[in-house]
Amino acid sequence: MSSLQKDMFKKSALPPLGSLKEDENDTTKERNEPSKENGPLFVMHHGAGSSGLTFGVTAKYIKEVSQGQCGVMAIDCRGHGASKTEVFDSDFSLETLSNDLINIIKKTVKVDQDIILVGHSMGGSVVVNVACKRVLKNIIGVSVLDVVEGSAMDALSSMTKILSSRPKRFDSAEQAIMWSIQSDTVRNVESARLSIPALIEPTQGDQFKWITDLIKTQPFWTEWFTGLSDKFLNSGTAKLLILAGTDRLDKPLIIGQMQGKFQLTIFPDAGHFLQEDTPRKTAVCLVEFWKRNQRLVLPPKVKV
């Protein structure tokens, strides 16, 4: 057995089952129970082909770093993970995904609960679009993880080739996990052990295939990222951008960053799935972002 295989099967320090709540309607894959404190709820939206469990280890560290003050809700969007919808799942338009997230929040989150939206890759476009709609009055911040309009648009031309090079079948979940590590898709074994099994499903031939056929999302790729930078800069709330490298910044964001319009953090030791590669650093960054931007509660006036 290789050292990688040994690491895969080590007992991991994942969140205890008692701290998680599963949505009976399968709209929410994982949720840390909101704390008894007045901390925010981080509402997290994954990228294309991923699932809410991409934030699983980060959620564990958010609870630890915030000492239980912060809650986490990470959804599986339509056509991904364990999510099921009554309508056709292949409508991955930005407007549909945004409305899905708004409806989930309205149905599951109290109106007086402060929310920080967090989105990775395509999910970053969704949370920014939701913030720009300004229909949810309890949003106090938005955080985008490793997606920038300029670099995303440039990468679209090579996406079909990248997807065609991925394995289409795996003999086991363990093989899929090993592929994710060996291909450098995910650089953290603990994260991969949690997130990768949620992306595959058994076939009739005793193998596993991807739940989401990313090629079917191709008609929406350009729409997801067009105008993202301007919408992010004008989202009307506190803003955090976490990137895996400074080369990902485009011109509008470089100007906006110089003007102090948002907080920029770089994780040079992480890949695209930075929330999986460096979950503790991601959690610390998000909790500190909340503390800098939490609502100021004034004490009651004292009559003299």
Protein backbone atom coordinates (compact mmCIF):
# COMPACT_ATOMS: atom_id res chain seq x y z
CA MET A 1 0.00 0.00 0.00
CA SER A 2 1.44 3.38 -1.00
CA SER A 3 1.89 6.26 1.45
CA LEU A 4 -0.96 8.07 -0.33
CA GLN A 5 -3.29 5.11 0.20
CA LYS A 6 -2.28 4.92 3.85
CA ASP A 7 -3.04 8.62 4.32
CA MET A 8 -6.42 8.18 2.67
CA PHE A 9 -7.59 5.61 5.15
CA LYS A 10 -6.31 7.27 8.30
CA LYS A 11 -9.00 8.37 10.72
CA SER A 12 -9.68 12.02 10.03
CA ALA A 13 -10.85 14.76 12.38
CA LEU A 14 -14.04 15.58 10.51
CA PRO A 15 -16.94 17.39 12.18
CA PRO A 16 -18.87 15.11 14.56
CA LEU A 17 -22.26 14.07 13.26
CA GLY A 18 -23.97 15.91 16.09
CA SER A 19 -22.83 19.27 14.70
CA LEU A 20 -24.35 18.69 11.29
CA LYS A 21 -27.91 18.99 10.07
CA GLU A 22 -29.15 17.47 6.82
CA ASP A 23 -31.91 19.15 4.86
CA GLU A 24 -34.81 16.72 4.43
CA ASN A 25 -35.48 18.15 0.95
CA ASP A 26 -31.89 17.60 -0.20
CA THR A 27 -31.43 21.28 -0.99
CA THR A 28 -28.70 21.52 1.64
CA LYS A 29 -25.98 18.91 1.81
CA GLU A 30 -24.37 20.01 5.04
CA ARG A 31 -25.09 22.59 7.66
CA ASN A 32 -23.44 23.46 10.95
CA GLU A 33 -26.14 24.38 13.44
CA PRO A 34 -26.27 28.16 13.95
CA SER A 35 -24.59 29.14 17.19
CA LYS A 36 -26.31 30.59 20.20
CA GLU A 37 -24.17 33.67 19.79
CA ASN A 38 -24.93 36.52 17.40
CA GLY A 39 -22.35 35.50 14.84
CA PRO A 40 -23.08 35.29 11.11
CA LEU A 41 -24.13 32.39 8.96
CA PHE A 42 -21.68 31.71 6.14
CA VAL A 43 -23.79 30.64 3.15
CA MET A 44 -21.53 28.81 0.72
CA HIS A 45 -22.01 28.03 -2.97
CA HIS A 46 -19.67 25.61 -4.72
CA GLY A 47 -18.35 25.73 -8.27
CA ALA A 48 -19.40 23.78 -11.35
CA GLY A 49 -19.10 20.03 -10.91
CA SER A 50 -18.45 20.30 -7.19
CA SER A 51 -20.75 20.07 -4.15
CA GLY A 52 -21.35 21.65 -0.76
CA LEU A 53 -18.89 19.23 0.81
CA THR A 54 -16.03 21.12 -0.86
CA PHE A 55 -16.44 23.43 2.16
CA GLY A 56 -16.72 20.60 4.70
CA VAL A 57 -13.28 20.83 6.31
CA THR A 58 -13.33 24.63 6.12
CA ALA A 59 -16.66 24.55 7.98
CA LYS A 60 -15.07 22.53 10.75
CA TYR A 61 -12.33 25.12 11.15
CA ILE A 62 -14.75 28.06 10.98
CA LYS A 63 -16.57 26.63 13.97
CA GLU A 64 -13.27 26.06 15.77
CA VAL A 65 -11.68 29.43 14.95
CA SER A 66 -14.84 31.39 15.80
CA GLN A 67 -15.34 29.36 19.00
CA GLY A 68 -18.81 28.40 17.87
CA GLN A 69 -19.94 31.93 17.07
CA CYS A 70 -20.37 31.30 13.33
CA GLY A 71 -22.68 28.92 11.51
CA VAL A 72 -22.16 27.44 8.06
CA MET A 73 -24.63 26.40 5.38
CA ALA A 74 -23.17 24.81 2.24
CA ILE A 75 -25.65 23.86 -0.46
CA ASP A 76 -25.64 21.45 -3.38
CA CYS A 77 -26.95 23.49 -6.30
CA ARG A 78 -29.26 21.96 -8.91
CA GLY A 79 -27.76 19.09 -10.85
CA HIS A 80 -24.94 18.65 -8.33
CA GLY A 81 -24.26 16.38 -5.38
CA ALA A 82 -27.39 15.10 -3.66
CA SER A 83 -29.61 17.94 -4.89
CA LYS A 84 -32.87 17.00 -6.59
CA THR A 85 -35.33 19.32 -8.31
CA GLU A 86 -38.77 18.81 -9.80
CA VAL A 87 -37.84 20.69 -12.96
CA PHE A 88 -35.15 20.02 -15.56
CA ASP A 89 -31.78 20.07 -13.81
CA SER A 90 -29.77 21.33 -16.77
CA ASP A 91 -30.82 24.97 -16.51
CA PHE A 92 -27.56 26.29 -15.10
CA SER A 93 -28.13 29.91 -16.09
CA LEU A 94 -26.80 32.51 -13.69
CA GLU A 95 -30.29 33.85 -13.06
CA THR A 96 -31.70 30.42 -12.21
CA LEU A 97 -28.83 29.52 -9.89
CA SER A 98 -29.10 32.92 -8.18
CA ASN A 99 -32.84 32.55 -7.65
CA ASP A 100 -32.33 29.04 -6.30
CA LEU A 101 -29.92 30.37 -3.69
CA ILE A 102 -32.22 33.25 -2.75
CA ASN A 103 -35.15 30.87 -2.31
CA ILE A 104 -33.11 28.48 -0.16
CA ILE A 105 -31.97 31.33 2.08
CA LYS A 106 -35.50 32.72 2.42
CA LYS A 107 -36.83 29.31 3.43
CA THR A 108 -34.05 28.29 5.82
CA VAL A 109 -32.55 31.44 7.34
CA LYS A 110 -34.18 33.89 9.75
CA VAL A 111 -34.50 37.42 8.40
CA ASP A 112 -32.53 38.85 11.33
CA GLN A 113 -29.62 36.42 10.87
CA ASP A 114 -26.55 38.15 9.43
CA ILE A 115 -25.27 36.37 6.32
CA ILE A 116 -21.91 36.32 4.58
CA LEU A 117 -22.09 34.82 1.10
CA VAL A 118 -19.12 32.71 0.01
CA GLY A 119 -18.72 31.36 -3.52
CA HIS A 120 -16.01 29.32 -5.19
CA SER A 121 -15.39 29.59 -8.94
CA MET A 122 -18.81 29.55 -10.66
CA GLY A 123 -20.32 29.87 -7.19
CA GLY A 124 -18.51 33.18 -6.84
CA SER A 125 -20.51 34.52 -9.78
CA VAL A 126 -23.72 33.30 -8.16
CA VAL A 127 -23.14 34.91 -4.76
CA VAL A 128 -22.03 38.20 -6.33
CA ASN A 129 -25.15 38.23 -8.50
CA VAL A 130 -27.32 37.54 -5.45
CA ALA A 131 -25.66 40.37 -3.52
CA CYS A 132 -26.20 42.76 -6.45
CA LYS A 133 -29.93 42.01 -6.51
CA ARG A 134 -30.15 43.44 -2.96
CA VAL A 135 -33.29 41.47 -2.14
CA LEU A 136 -31.73 39.93 0.98
CA LYS A 137 -31.30 42.69 3.52
CA ASN A 138 -29.28 40.60 5.98
CA ILE A 139 -26.18 40.20 3.78
CA ILE A 140 -23.21 41.85 5.50
CA GLY A 141 -20.47 40.60 3.19
CA VAL A 142 -19.56 38.57 0.12
CA SER A 143 -16.43 36.49 -0.40
CA VAL A 144 -15.28 35.13 -3.75
CA LEU A 145 -12.80 32.26 -3.89
CA ASP A 146 -10.38 32.00 -6.81
CA VAL A 147 -12.40 33.37 -9.67
CA VAL A 148 -11.79 36.56 -11.64
CA GLU A 149 -13.63 37.57 -14.78
CA GLY A 150 -10.55 38.10 -16.94
CA SER A 151 -8.73 34.86 -16.20
CA ALA A 152 -11.96 32.86 -16.16
CA MET A 153 -12.93 34.07 -19.63
CA ASP A 154 -9.43 33.34 -20.93
CA ALA A 155 -9.58 29.79 -19.56
CA LEU A 156 -12.90 28.89 -21.20
CA SER A 157 -11.29 28.07 -24.55
CA SER A 158 -9.34 25.21 -22.98
CA MET A 159 -12.09 23.88 -20.71
CA THR A 160 -13.44 21.32 -23.19
CA LYS A 161 -9.97 19.81 -23.62
CA ILE A 162 -9.44 19.71 -19.86
CA LEU A 163 -12.77 17.99 -19.26
CA SER A 164 -12.15 15.43 -22.01
CA SER A 165 -8.90 14.43 -20.31
CA ARG A 166 -10.63 13.54 -17.04
CA PRO A 167 -11.44 9.88 -16.32
CA LYS A 168 -15.09 9.16 -17.06
CA ARG A 169 -15.32 6.10 -14.80
CA PHE A 170 -13.72 4.89 -11.59
CA ASP A 171 -13.64 1.39 -10.15
CA SER A 172 -14.20 2.72 -6.63
CA ALA A 173 -14.57 5.90 -4.61
CA GLU A 174 -11.03 5.35 -3.33
CA GLN A 175 -9.73 5.40 -6.91
CA ALA A 176 -11.52 8.70 -7.53
CA ILE A 177 -9.97 10.17 -4.38
CA MET A 178 -6.51 9.01 -5.44
CA TRP A 179 -7.02 10.53 -8.91
CA SER A 180 -7.95 13.90 -7.39
CA ILE A 181 -4.74 13.94 -5.35
CA GLN A 182 -2.41 12.58 -8.04
CA SER A 183 -3.81 15.00 -10.65
CA ASP A 184 -3.27 17.90 -8.22
CA THR A 185 -6.97 18.75 -8.41
CA VAL A 186 -7.09 18.66 -4.61
CA ARG A 187 -3.91 18.89 -2.54
CA ASN A 188 -5.32 17.90 0.84
CA VAL A 189 -6.14 14.23 1.50
CA GLU A 190 -8.56 15.00 4.34
CA SER A 191 -10.56 17.33 2.10
CA ALA A 192 -10.54 14.90 -0.84
CA ARG A 193 -11.79 12.04 1.32
CA LEU A 194 -14.82 14.17 2.21
CA SER A 195 -15.56 16.00 -1.05
CA ILE A 196 -14.80 13.57 -3.88
CA PRO A 197 -17.26 10.76 -2.97
CA ALA A 198 -20.07 13.35 -3.14
CA LEU A 199 -19.26 14.00 -6.81
CA ILE A 200 -19.68 10.45 -8.11
CA GLU A 201 -22.46 7.88 -8.27
CA PRO A 202 -22.53 4.13 -8.99
CA THR A 203 -23.28 2.85 -12.48
CA GLN A 204 -24.96 -0.39 -13.48
CA GLY A 205 -21.55 -1.86 -14.23
CA ASP A 206 -20.26 -1.61 -10.64
CA GLN A 207 -18.22 1.47 -11.46
CA PHE A 208 -18.62 5.13 -10.54
CA LYS A 209 -19.26 8.10 -12.81
CA TRP A 210 -19.46 11.85 -12.32
CA ILE A 211 -22.86 13.03 -11.09
CA THR A 212 -22.60 16.26 -13.06
CA ASP A 213 -21.80 16.20 -16.77
CA LEU A 214 -19.88 19.46 -17.02
CA ILE A 215 -20.02 19.49 -20.82
CA LYS A 216 -23.78 20.10 -20.52
CA THR A 217 -23.05 23.33 -18.65
CA GLN A 218 -20.99 24.73 -21.56
CA PRO A 219 -23.80 26.98 -22.92
CA PHE A 220 -23.67 28.93 -19.66
CA TRP A 221 -19.91 29.34 -19.18
CA THR A 222 -19.59 32.77 -20.77
CA GLU A 223 -22.71 34.06 -19.02
CA TRP A 224 -21.40 33.02 -15.60
CA PHE A 225 -18.34 35.24 -15.74
CA THR A 226 -19.28 38.17 -17.99
CA GLY A 227 -19.35 41.37 -15.94
CA LEU A 228 -18.27 39.59 -12.75
CA SER A 229 -15.57 42.10 -11.78
CA ASP A 230 -17.81 45.17 -12.07
CA LYS A 231 -20.65 43.43 -10.22
CA PHE A 232 -18.27 42.40 -7.45
CA LEU A 233 -16.96 45.94 -7.05
CA ASN A 234 -20.51 47.35 -6.98
CA SER A 235 -22.19 44.69 -4.86
CA GLY A 236 -22.98 47.17 -2.10
CA THR A 237 -21.52 45.19 0.79
CA ALA A 238 -18.15 44.30 2.32
CA LYS A 239 -16.04 42.34 -0.15
CA LEU A 240 -13.30 39.73 0.17
CA LEU A 241 -11.44 38.12 -2.72
CA ILE A 242 -9.21 35.12 -1.98
CA LEU A 243 -6.98 33.98 -4.84
CA ALA A 244 -4.36 31.30 -5.36
CA GLY A 245 -2.14 33.76 -7.25
CA THR A 246 -1.87 37.47 -8.07
CA ASP A 247 -1.71 36.70 -11.80
CA ARG A 248 -5.46 36.08 -11.69
CA LEU A 249 -6.32 39.76 -11.13
CA ASP A 250 -7.80 41.61 -14.10
CA LYS A 251 -7.62 45.37 -14.75
CA PRO A 252 -10.89 46.42 -13.01
CA LEU A 253 -9.91 44.49 -9.89
CA ILE A 254 -6.36 45.85 -9.88
CA ILE A 255 -7.78 49.38 -9.95
CA GLY A 256 -10.43 48.53 -7.36
CA GLN A 257 -7.86 46.98 -5.05
CA MET A 258 -5.64 50.05 -5.30
CA GLN A 259 -8.67 52.17 -4.37
CA GLY A 260 -9.36 50.00 -1.34
CA LYS A 261 -12.74 48.77 -2.57
CA PHE A 262 -12.23 45.22 -1.35
CA GLN A 263 -9.95 43.04 0.72
CA LEU A 264 -7.54 40.86 -1.25
CA THR A 265 -5.85 37.79 0.19
CA ILE A 266 -3.45 35.50 -1.68
CA PHE A 267 -2.82 31.82 -0.86
CA PRO A 268 0.26 31.04 -3.00
CA ASP A 269 0.50 27.49 -1.63
CA ALA A 270 -3.02 26.54 -2.78
CA GLY A 271 -4.51 25.41 -6.07
CA HIS A 272 -7.87 26.33 -7.55
CA PHE A 273 -9.76 24.49 -4.79
CA LEU A 274 -8.13 26.65 -2.14
CA GLN A 275 -10.88 25.97 0.41
CA GLU A 276 -9.91 22.29 0.23
CA ASP A 277 -6.14 22.73 -0.09
CA THR A 278 -5.84 25.20 2.80
CA PRO A 279 -9.08 24.88 4.80
CA ARG A 280 -7.78 26.31 8.06
CA LYS A 281 -6.27 29.39 6.39
CA THR A 282 -9.54 29.88 4.52
CA ALA A 283 -11.52 29.63 7.74
CA VAL A 284 -9.27 32.09 9.57
CA CYS A 285 -9.54 34.56 6.68
CA LEU A 286 -13.34 34.32 6.59
CA VAL A 287 -13.76 34.70 10.35
CA GLU A 288 -11.43 37.71 10.42
CA PHE A 289 -13.37 39.20 7.51
CA TRP A 290 -16.57 38.88 9.56
CA LYS A 291 -14.99 40.46 12.65
CA ARG A 292 -13.84 43.47 10.63
CA ASN A 293 -17.26 43.96 9.08
CA GLN A 294 -19.76 42.88 11.73
CA ARG A 295 -22.62 45.20 12.49
CA LEU A 296 -21.96 47.76 15.20
CA VAL A 297 -24.50 47.33 17.99
CA LEU A 298 -24.82 50.54 20.00
CA PRO A 299 -25.67 50.35 23.70
CA PRO A 300 -29.09 51.64 24.74
CA LYS A 301 -29.32 55.28 25.73
CA VAL A 302 -29.20 55.89 29.45
CA LYS A 303 -31.58 58.50 30.81
CA VAL A 304 -29.91 61.02 33.09
